Amino acid sequence: VPMHGGHFGDAEDLYHYELVRESADQIRLYVNDEHNDPLDTRVLQGRWTLNPDDPAPMLGFFDPAEDGTSFVASLPDVHQTDPVHLLVEVLKGEQWVGMEFTIPEAVTTLPDSLE
């Protein structure tokens, strides 16, 4: 269940991810363990692939948020109205645990029910 208004998924029963598109080019990834307990991203490694099906996808690494509650990243060359297709991965041991998301256009204002 999304806790931050994002897109939620179960990554191979090893992690639970919630991906939030905060603006056209800013994303935030929350990482929970297999029991859905939040993990401290300051002790994890995360990476992203923009348009993973393209012949030359863009790759990057997440930065942990200062408080360790999430990862953050800036995506290059993404516009407000463009949907975003991302593969996000977090390292567990020696295995990258991935999950793909397609995120619609960025939301610029919150619905009245969330203000």
Protein backbone atom coordinates (compact mmCIF):
# COMPACT_ATOMS: atom_id res chain seq x y z
CA VAL A 1 0.00 0.00 0.00
CA PRO A 2 1.51 3.38 -0.97
CA MET A 3 2.24 5.52 2.07
CA HIS A 4 3.52 8.62 0.23
CA GLY A 5 1.12 8.93 -2.71
CA GLY A 6 3.39 7.06 -5.11
CA HIS A 7 3.41 3.85 -7.11
CA PHE A 8 3.95 0.71 -5.04
CA GLY A 9 5.32 -2.69 -5.93
CA ASP A 10 6.75 -5.90 -4.51
CA ALA A 11 10.24 -6.56 -5.88
CA GLU A 12 10.82 -10.33 -5.86
CA ASP A 13 9.56 -10.65 -2.25
CA LEU A 14 12.86 -9.09 -1.14
CA TYR A 15 11.96 -5.40 -1.09
CA HIS A 16 8.83 -3.27 -1.41
CA TYR A 17 9.28 -0.08 -3.41
CA GLU A 18 7.24 3.09 -3.57
CA LEU A 19 8.24 5.47 -6.35
CA VAL A 20 7.08 9.08 -6.22
CA ARG A 21 7.51 11.53 -9.07
CA GLU A 22 7.85 14.82 -7.21
CA SER A 23 8.34 17.03 -10.27
CA ALA A 24 9.08 16.59 -13.96
CA ASP A 25 12.64 15.43 -13.30
CA GLN A 26 12.72 14.57 -9.57
CA ILE A 27 11.92 11.11 -8.21
CA ARG A 28 11.95 9.64 -4.72
CA LEU A 29 12.16 5.92 -3.94
CA TYR A 30 11.07 4.52 -0.57
CA VAL A 31 12.48 1.08 0.21
CA ASN A 32 10.90 -1.36 2.67
CA ASP A 33 11.99 -4.87 3.57
CA GLU A 34 10.03 -8.05 2.80
CA HIS A 35 7.86 -7.37 5.90
CA ASN A 36 7.17 -3.84 4.60
CA ASP A 37 9.24 -2.18 7.34
CA PRO A 38 11.10 0.97 6.18
CA LEU A 39 14.82 0.65 5.51
CA ASP A 40 17.55 3.26 6.02
CA THR A 41 18.73 4.16 2.52
CA ARG A 42 22.00 5.59 3.88
CA VAL A 43 23.28 1.99 4.16
CA LEU A 44 21.91 0.84 0.78
CA GLN A 45 22.86 1.34 -2.86
CA GLY A 46 20.23 2.19 -5.44
CA ARG A 47 20.29 2.81 -9.16
CA TRP A 48 17.85 3.69 -11.91
CA THR A 49 17.54 3.12 -15.65
CA LEU A 50 15.43 5.53 -17.68
CA ASN A 51 13.69 3.87 -20.64
CA PRO A 52 15.27 0.45 -20.01
CA ASP A 53 13.93 -0.96 -23.30
CA ASP A 54 15.71 1.65 -25.43
CA PRO A 55 18.90 0.63 -27.25
CA ALA A 56 20.81 3.28 -25.25
CA PRO A 57 18.99 3.80 -21.93
CA MET A 58 20.10 6.47 -19.44
CA LEU A 59 21.59 5.14 -16.21
CA GLY A 60 22.15 6.75 -12.84
CA PHE A 61 22.46 6.20 -9.12
CA PHE A 62 20.17 7.32 -6.34
CA ASP A 63 21.40 9.47 -3.48
CA PRO A 64 20.10 8.68 -0.01
CA ALA A 65 17.96 11.38 1.55
CA GLU A 66 19.68 13.13 4.42
CA ASP A 67 17.39 11.45 6.97
CA GLY A 68 17.70 8.02 5.30
CA THR A 69 13.98 7.62 4.69
CA SER A 70 14.28 7.40 0.89
CA PHE A 71 16.46 7.70 -2.17
CA VAL A 72 16.31 10.76 -4.43
CA ALA A 73 17.39 11.33 -8.02
CA SER A 74 17.17 13.84 -10.83
CA LEU A 75 16.31 12.46 -14.25
CA PRO A 76 17.88 14.08 -17.33
CA ASP A 77 15.85 15.38 -20.28
CA VAL A 78 12.39 14.65 -18.85
CA HIS A 79 9.47 17.01 -19.40
CA GLN A 80 6.47 17.66 -17.19
CA THR A 81 3.97 15.97 -19.51
CA ASP A 82 6.11 12.96 -20.41
CA PRO A 83 5.36 9.61 -18.80
CA VAL A 84 8.49 8.07 -17.30
CA HIS A 85 9.47 4.41 -17.74
CA LEU A 86 12.00 3.45 -15.07
CA LEU A 87 13.75 0.37 -13.82
CA VAL A 88 14.73 0.93 -10.18
CA GLU A 89 17.10 -1.43 -8.38
CA VAL A 90 18.49 -1.74 -4.87
CA LEU A 91 21.41 -3.97 -3.99
CA LYS A 92 20.71 -6.81 -1.55
CA GLY A 93 23.88 -8.74 -0.82
CA GLU A 94 25.33 -9.16 -4.29
CA GLN A 95 21.98 -9.12 -6.13
CA TRP A 96 20.38 -6.06 -7.70
CA VAL A 97 16.65 -6.33 -6.98
CA GLY A 98 14.77 -4.55 -9.73
CA MET A 99 11.28 -3.43 -10.56
CA GLU A 100 9.91 -1.47 -13.50
CA PHE A 101 7.51 1.45 -13.17
CA THR A 102 5.72 3.60 -15.71
CA ILE A 103 4.84 6.88 -14.04
CA PRO A 104 2.39 9.31 -15.71
CA GLU A 105 3.06 13.00 -16.05
CA ALA A 106 4.24 14.85 -12.97
CA VAL A 107 1.57 16.35 -10.72
CA THR A 108 2.03 20.08 -10.18
CA THR A 109 -0.74 20.61 -7.65
CA LEU A 110 -2.22 18.34 -5.04
CA PRO A 111 -5.89 17.40 -5.20
CA ASP A 112 -8.04 19.24 -2.66
CA SER A 113 -8.35 16.05 -0.62
CA LEU A 114 -4.56 16.00 -0.02
CA GLU A 115 -4.00 19.66 0.82
